[in-house]
Amino acid sequence: MESKMGELPVDINIQEPRWDQSTFLGRARHFFTVTDPRNLLLSGAQLEASRNIVQNYRAGVVTPGITEDQLWRAKYVYDSAFHPDTGEKVVLIGRMSAQVPMNMTITGCMLTFYRKTPTVVFWQWVNQSFNAIVNYSNRSGDAPITMGQLGTAYVSATTGAVATALGLKSLTKHLPPLVGRFVPFAAVAAANCINIPLMRQRELQVGIPVTDEAGQRLGYSVTAAKQGIFQVVISRICMAIPAMAIPPLIMDTLEKKDFLKRRPWLGAPLQVGLVGFCLVFATPLCCALFPQKSSIHVSKLEPELRAQIHEQNPSVEVVYYNKGL
């Protein structure tokens, strides 16, 4: 199919991210675009327009007069609002672009109201409810998760987070007040270790698809699933570090100053603002820590799968899998 003068060629691969995903910088640029909170302000009509551009382009129809930059912009708008496997529109707060504003509000409140038990329980619960929505919205389409499994993961993660928060809160009573400010972080880290493996338990039971470099499916691996889930837990915990470690240090200093003593109501908005500032950078940078398409050496796979790959594709030494977010 020939393209007329000034028209885009039809062979740009918009299935893949725009930037080289084998480098940290390329992944960071990709995730800065994906998590851009401004995407939340787009109207339904703008989302539909982007969806049409992308779907037409994939079908070989170039929207007249469109530039390459506009095509990529449409792809990223489309990706920000629609599920990659099912094509359904994702609930507003479950989208990647909602991560920063939502986490900023919830984390800011967790760090502000860490002194009283009812508020600790309430904000940890809000945070885990939000996590459950995000995990459900961004689940991998290959392994559908049942409502029962979702419920179990949600209840376990919430219980884990609340128990960690309250347990540590009682332990830190006799320690310097600054230590108490880090309790919410420990609770979030503990909950991530419970929540993500539980939300993805199906993958730990049946494995995730592993492919060769060309994307040809070679089988399912539980080892790859474990590695992928471990990487996601690490990057989620790292994502929370700047937002939950830097603001408490700043607030601890500020709250001793007269300025805040006279205006205690400024505490919460200030905390939320500081958290937001940290998250705008931490979210995309931590998503970029590991390649989305991770690799694992065939020798590390389960014996049966290793034998099967050696038999059918003897030349394959490294297999690839999608680690999820």
Protein backbone atom coordinates (compact mmCIF):
# COMPACT_ATOMS: atom_id res chain seq x y z
CA MET A 1 0.00 0.00 0.00
CA GLU A 2 1.63 3.26 -1.10
CA SER A 3 1.17 6.38 0.93
CA LYS A 4 0.54 9.66 -0.91
CA MET A 5 2.97 12.56 -0.53
CA GLY A 6 2.85 14.01 2.97
CA GLU A 7 0.89 11.06 4.33
CA LEU A 8 2.27 8.85 7.08
CA PRO A 9 3.65 5.43 6.14
CA VAL A 10 1.57 2.57 7.57
CA ASP A 11 4.51 0.66 9.02
CA ILE A 12 5.17 2.61 12.24
CA ASN A 13 4.95 0.07 15.08
CA ILE A 14 2.54 1.65 17.54
CA GLN A 15 2.10 -1.64 19.42
CA GLU A 16 5.43 -0.92 21.10
CA PRO A 17 6.40 2.17 23.16
CA ARG A 18 7.89 5.09 21.22
CA TRP A 19 11.24 5.01 23.00
CA ASP A 20 13.86 2.25 23.26
CA GLN A 21 12.74 0.04 26.17
CA SER A 22 16.13 -1.61 26.66
CA THR A 23 17.49 1.60 28.24
CA PHE A 24 16.42 3.14 31.55
CA LEU A 25 16.04 6.56 29.89
CA GLY A 26 13.76 5.19 27.16
CA ARG A 27 11.59 3.45 29.76
CA ALA A 28 11.48 6.60 31.91
CA ARG A 29 10.32 8.75 28.96
CA HIS A 30 7.67 6.12 28.19
CA PHE A 31 6.32 6.07 31.76
CA PHE A 32 6.43 9.86 32.16
CA THR A 33 4.05 9.94 29.17
CA VAL A 34 1.87 7.09 30.48
CA THR A 35 1.50 8.49 34.01
CA ASP A 36 0.94 12.11 32.87
CA PRO A 37 -1.96 13.30 35.11
CA ARG A 38 -3.10 15.76 32.43
CA ASN A 39 -4.55 12.79 30.53
CA LEU A 40 -7.33 12.69 33.13
CA LEU A 41 -8.66 16.02 31.89
CA LEU A 42 -9.40 14.70 28.40
CA SER A 43 -13.08 14.48 27.45
CA GLY A 44 -14.82 11.31 26.30
CA ALA A 45 -14.89 12.71 22.74
CA GLN A 46 -11.10 13.26 22.76
CA LEU A 47 -10.55 9.69 24.00
CA GLU A 48 -12.84 8.32 21.26
CA ALA A 49 -11.02 10.38 18.60
CA SER A 50 -7.68 8.92 19.73
CA ARG A 51 -9.14 5.44 19.77
CA ASN A 52 -10.36 5.85 16.18
CA ILE A 53 -6.98 7.14 14.97
CA VAL A 54 -5.18 4.17 16.59
CA GLN A 55 -7.63 1.48 15.51
CA ASN A 56 -7.80 2.81 11.95
CA TYR A 57 -4.01 3.00 11.76
CA ARG A 58 -3.68 -0.60 12.95
CA ALA A 59 -6.15 -1.59 10.24
CA GLY A 60 -3.95 0.18 7.65
CA VAL A 61 -6.06 3.35 7.33
CA VAL A 62 -4.15 6.58 7.90
CA THR A 63 -6.22 9.50 9.24
CA PRO A 64 -5.75 12.26 6.60
CA GLY A 65 -3.32 15.07 7.48
CA ILE A 66 -2.04 13.43 10.68
CA THR A 67 1.63 13.87 11.66
CA GLU A 68 3.81 11.21 13.32
CA ASP A 69 3.78 13.16 16.60
CA GLN A 70 -0.02 13.28 16.56
CA LEU A 71 -0.17 9.54 15.91
CA TRP A 72 2.06 8.82 18.92
CA ARG A 73 0.07 11.27 21.05
CA ALA A 74 -3.14 9.42 20.07
CA LYS A 75 -1.50 6.09 20.92
CA TYR A 76 -0.51 7.28 24.40
CA VAL A 77 -3.93 8.84 25.05
CA TYR A 78 -5.54 5.58 23.92
CA ASP A 79 -3.20 3.49 26.10
CA SER A 80 -3.84 5.73 29.10
CA ALA A 81 -7.59 5.08 29.08
CA PHE A 82 -8.26 1.68 27.47
CA HIS A 83 -7.25 -1.80 28.65
CA PRO A 84 -4.60 -3.26 26.29
CA ASP A 85 -6.06 -6.79 26.22
CA THR A 86 -9.81 -6.25 26.54
CA GLY A 87 -10.10 -2.81 24.89
CA GLU A 88 -12.54 -1.72 27.64
CA LYS A 89 -12.38 1.84 28.94
CA VAL A 90 -10.71 1.74 32.38
CA VAL A 91 -12.47 3.44 35.35
CA LEU A 92 -11.04 6.93 35.83
CA ILE A 93 -9.27 6.21 39.14
CA GLY A 94 -7.87 2.90 37.87
CA ARG A 95 -5.89 4.54 35.07
CA MET A 96 -2.12 4.99 35.21
CA SER A 97 -2.62 8.75 34.80
CA ALA A 98 -4.62 8.81 38.07
CA GLN A 99 -1.73 7.28 40.05
CA VAL A 100 -0.09 10.58 41.01
CA PRO A 101 -3.18 12.63 42.05
CA MET A 102 -4.79 9.69 43.88
CA ASN A 103 -1.64 8.50 45.64
CA MET A 104 -0.72 12.06 46.49
CA THR A 105 -4.01 12.60 48.32
CA ILE A 106 -4.06 9.21 50.05
CA THR A 107 -0.36 9.15 51.02
CA GLY A 108 -0.51 12.77 52.19
CA CYS A 109 -3.41 11.88 54.48
CA MET A 110 -1.74 8.67 55.72
CA LEU A 111 1.33 10.70 56.68
CA THR A 112 -0.69 13.50 58.27
CA PHE A 113 -3.14 11.43 60.32
CA TYR A 114 -0.78 8.79 61.68
CA ARG A 115 -1.35 9.50 65.38
CA LYS A 116 -4.88 8.20 66.10
CA THR A 117 -5.99 4.59 65.59
CA PRO A 118 -9.31 5.27 63.77
CA THR A 119 -7.67 7.54 61.18
CA VAL A 120 -4.79 5.06 60.69
CA VAL A 121 -7.29 2.27 60.00
CA PHE A 122 -9.42 4.49 57.72
CA TRP A 123 -6.57 5.73 55.48
CA GLN A 124 -4.88 2.33 55.22
CA TRP A 125 -8.26 0.92 54.16
CA VAL A 126 -8.77 3.71 51.58
CA ASN A 127 -5.28 3.05 50.21
CA GLN A 128 -5.84 -0.70 49.83
CA SER A 129 -9.26 -0.13 48.22
CA PHE A 130 -7.57 2.15 45.69
CA ASN A 131 -4.81 -0.45 45.13
CA ALA A 132 -7.41 -3.15 44.49
CA ILE A 133 -9.09 -0.96 41.82
CA VAL A 134 -5.73 -0.23 40.15
CA ASN A 135 -4.63 -3.88 40.21
CA TYR A 136 -7.98 -5.02 38.85
CA SER A 137 -7.95 -2.35 36.11
CA ASN A 138 -4.39 -3.18 35.02
CA ARG A 139 -4.61 -6.97 35.39
CA SER A 140 -3.07 -9.06 32.65
CA GLY A 141 -5.77 -10.15 30.21
CA ASP A 142 -4.28 -13.62 29.90
CA ALA A 143 -5.09 -14.79 33.42
CA PRO A 144 -8.59 -13.60 34.29
CA ILE A 145 -8.94 -13.19 38.06
CA THR A 146 -12.20 -14.24 39.72
CA MET A 147 -14.22 -11.98 42.03
CA GLY A 148 -13.50 -14.41 44.89
CA GLN A 149 -9.74 -14.13 44.41
CA LEU A 150 -10.05 -10.34 44.16
CA GLY A 151 -12.02 -10.26 47.40
CA THR A 152 -9.49 -12.47 49.22
CA ALA A 153 -6.56 -10.34 48.05
CA TYR A 154 -8.36 -7.15 49.04
CA VAL A 155 -9.29 -8.34 52.54
CA SER A 156 -5.83 -9.85 53.17
CA ALA A 157 -3.94 -6.77 52.01
CA THR A 158 -6.16 -4.43 54.03
CA THR A 159 -5.82 -6.61 57.15
CA GLY A 160 -2.04 -6.84 56.62
CA ALA A 161 -1.65 -3.08 56.19
CA VAL A 162 -3.83 -2.20 59.19
CA ALA A 163 -2.18 -4.83 61.41
CA THR A 164 1.33 -3.62 60.44
CA ALA A 165 0.37 0.03 60.98
CA LEU A 166 -1.25 -0.57 64.38
CA GLY A 167 1.41 -3.03 65.52
CA LEU A 168 4.25 -0.65 64.69
CA LYS A 169 2.29 2.30 66.06
CA SER A 170 2.14 0.65 69.49
CA LEU A 171 5.85 -0.27 69.29
CA THR A 172 6.92 3.28 68.43
CA LYS A 173 5.12 4.86 71.40
CA HIS A 174 8.37 4.91 73.39
CA LEU A 175 10.58 5.90 70.46
CA PRO A 176 11.33 9.45 69.17
CA PRO A 177 8.30 10.98 67.39
CA LEU A 178 10.13 11.03 64.04
CA VAL A 179 10.14 7.20 63.99
CA GLY A 180 6.35 7.17 64.28
CA ARG A 181 6.10 9.15 61.05
CA PHE A 182 7.60 6.22 59.12
CA VAL A 183 4.97 3.71 60.29
CA PRO A 184 2.66 4.39 57.28
CA PHE A 185 5.55 3.56 54.93
CA ALA A 186 6.23 0.22 56.64
CA ALA A 187 2.51 -0.60 56.45
CA VAL A 188 2.35 0.20 52.73
CA ALA A 189 5.49 -1.87 52.04
CA ALA A 190 4.02 -4.84 53.96
CA ALA A 191 0.69 -4.53 52.16
CA ASN A 192 2.40 -4.49 48.75
CA CYS A 193 4.17 -7.74 49.62
CA ILE A 194 0.77 -9.31 50.39
CA ASN A 195 -1.43 -7.56 47.84
CA ILE A 196 0.48 -8.02 44.58
CA PRO A 197 1.24 -11.76 44.90
CA LEU A 198 -2.37 -12.39 45.98
CA MET A 199 -3.85 -10.32 43.15
CA ARG A 200 -1.68 -12.31 40.76
CA GLN A 201 -2.00 -15.73 42.44
CA ARG A 202 -3.39 -17.19 39.24
CA GLU A 203 -0.02 -16.50 37.56
CA LEU A 204 1.79 -18.20 40.47
CA GLN A 205 -0.41 -21.28 40.00
CA VAL A 206 -0.41 -21.68 36.20
CA GLY A 207 2.56 -19.48 35.21
CA ILE A 208 2.80 -16.61 32.73
CA PRO A 209 3.41 -16.97 28.99
CA VAL A 210 7.11 -16.90 27.99
CA THR A 211 8.10 -16.11 24.41
CA ASP A 212 11.20 -16.05 22.24
CA GLU A 213 12.60 -12.77 20.96
CA ALA A 214 10.16 -12.68 18.05
CA GLY A 215 7.19 -13.01 20.44
CA GLN A 216 6.47 -16.68 19.63
CA ARG A 217 4.88 -18.33 22.67
CA LEU A 218 6.97 -21.20 24.10
CA GLY A 219 4.92 -22.16 27.16
CA TYR A 220 3.93 -21.03 30.66
CA SER A 221 6.40 -20.53 33.49
CA VAL A 222 5.79 -20.12 37.23
CA THR A 223 9.47 -19.21 37.75
CA ALA A 224 9.08 -16.26 35.36
CA ALA A 225 5.88 -15.24 37.18
CA LYS A 226 7.73 -15.24 40.53
CA GLN A 227 10.55 -13.14 39.10
CA GLY A 228 8.10 -10.69 37.48
CA ILE A 229 5.99 -10.31 40.62
CA PHE A 230 9.12 -9.82 42.75
CA GLN A 231 10.26 -7.01 40.41
CA VAL A 232 6.85 -5.33 40.61
CA VAL A 233 6.82 -5.50 44.43
CA ILE A 234 10.30 -3.91 44.51
CA SER A 235 9.37 -1.11 42.12
CA ARG A 236 6.10 -0.40 43.99
CA ILE A 237 7.99 -0.16 47.31
CA CYS A 238 10.65 2.08 45.73
CA MET A 239 7.84 4.24 44.33
CA ALA A 240 6.62 4.87 47.86
CA ILE A 241 10.07 5.62 49.35
CA PRO A 242 10.58 9.25 48.19
CA ALA A 243 6.96 10.20 48.86
CA MET A 244 6.84 8.59 52.29
CA ALA A 245 10.39 9.27 53.50
CA ILE A 246 11.19 12.83 52.36
CA PRO A 247 7.98 14.70 53.41
CA PRO A 248 8.05 13.34 57.03
CA LEU A 249 11.60 14.67 57.48
CA ILE A 250 10.62 18.09 56.12
CA MET A 251 7.34 18.19 58.10
CA ASP A 252 9.08 17.17 61.31
CA THR A 253 11.34 20.21 61.00
CA LEU A 254 8.55 22.56 59.87
CA GLU A 255 6.12 21.58 62.63
CA LYS A 256 8.64 22.75 65.24
CA LYS A 257 8.64 26.24 63.68
CA ASP A 258 6.25 28.96 64.82
CA PHE A 259 4.84 29.40 61.32
CA LEU A 260 3.10 26.00 61.38
CA LYS A 261 2.33 26.08 65.11
CA ARG A 262 0.21 29.16 64.45
CA ARG A 263 -1.39 27.64 61.35
CA PRO A 264 -1.87 23.91 62.10
CA TRP A 265 -4.46 23.60 59.30
CA LEU A 266 -1.63 24.09 56.78
CA GLY A 267 -0.08 20.73 57.75
CA ALA A 268 -2.25 18.46 55.61
CA PRO A 269 -2.21 20.51 52.34
CA LEU A 270 1.54 21.05 52.69
CA GLN A 271 2.12 17.34 53.23
CA VAL A 272 -0.07 16.44 50.23
CA GLY A 273 1.82 18.95 48.05
CA LEU A 274 5.23 17.58 49.09
CA VAL A 275 4.08 14.00 48.45
CA GLY A 276 2.72 15.02 45.04
CA PHE A 277 6.01 16.62 44.08
CA CYS A 278 7.91 13.43 45.00
CA LEU A 279 5.40 11.16 43.23
CA VAL A 280 5.44 13.04 39.92
CA PHE A 281 9.05 11.86 39.57
CA ALA A 282 9.07 8.63 41.61
CA THR A 283 6.11 6.98 39.84
CA PRO A 284 7.50 6.93 36.27
CA LEU A 285 11.13 6.45 37.37
CA CYS A 286 10.28 3.40 39.51
CA CYS A 287 8.02 1.91 36.84
CA ALA A 288 11.12 2.15 34.61
CA LEU A 289 13.46 0.27 36.99
CA PHE A 290 12.93 -3.06 35.20
CA PRO A 291 12.10 -3.57 31.50
CA GLN A 292 8.38 -4.21 30.93
CA LYS A 293 9.43 -7.11 28.70
CA SER A 294 11.72 -8.91 31.14
CA SER A 295 13.97 -11.83 30.27
CA ILE A 296 15.05 -15.00 32.05
CA HIS A 297 17.67 -17.57 31.07
CA VAL A 298 16.25 -20.92 29.90
CA SER A 299 18.50 -22.72 32.42
CA LYS A 300 16.56 -21.03 35.26
CA LEU A 301 13.15 -22.27 34.09
CA GLU A 302 11.26 -25.31 35.42
CA PRO A 303 12.80 -28.64 34.25
CA GLU A 304 9.76 -29.69 32.16
CA LEU A 305 9.55 -26.34 30.35
CA ARG A 306 13.35 -26.28 29.89
CA ALA A 307 13.23 -29.76 28.29
CA GLN A 308 10.30 -28.74 26.08
CA ILE A 309 12.11 -25.60 24.83
CA HIS A 310 15.39 -27.46 24.23
CA GLU A 311 13.52 -30.06 22.23
CA GLN A 312 11.41 -27.68 20.09
CA ASN A 313 13.68 -24.60 19.91
CA PRO A 314 17.24 -25.72 20.72
CA SER A 315 18.72 -22.36 19.72
CA VAL A 316 16.69 -20.36 22.31
CA GLU A 317 18.77 -19.45 25.39
CA VAL A 318 16.79 -16.53 26.81
CA VAL A 319 13.00 -16.24 27.02
CA TYR A 320 10.90 -13.10 27.53
CA TYR A 321 7.74 -12.34 29.51
CA ASN A 322 5.60 -9.32 30.39
CA LYS A 323 6.20 -8.54 34.07
CA GLY A 324 3.01 -6.48 34.55
CA LEU A 325 2.97 -3.26 36.55
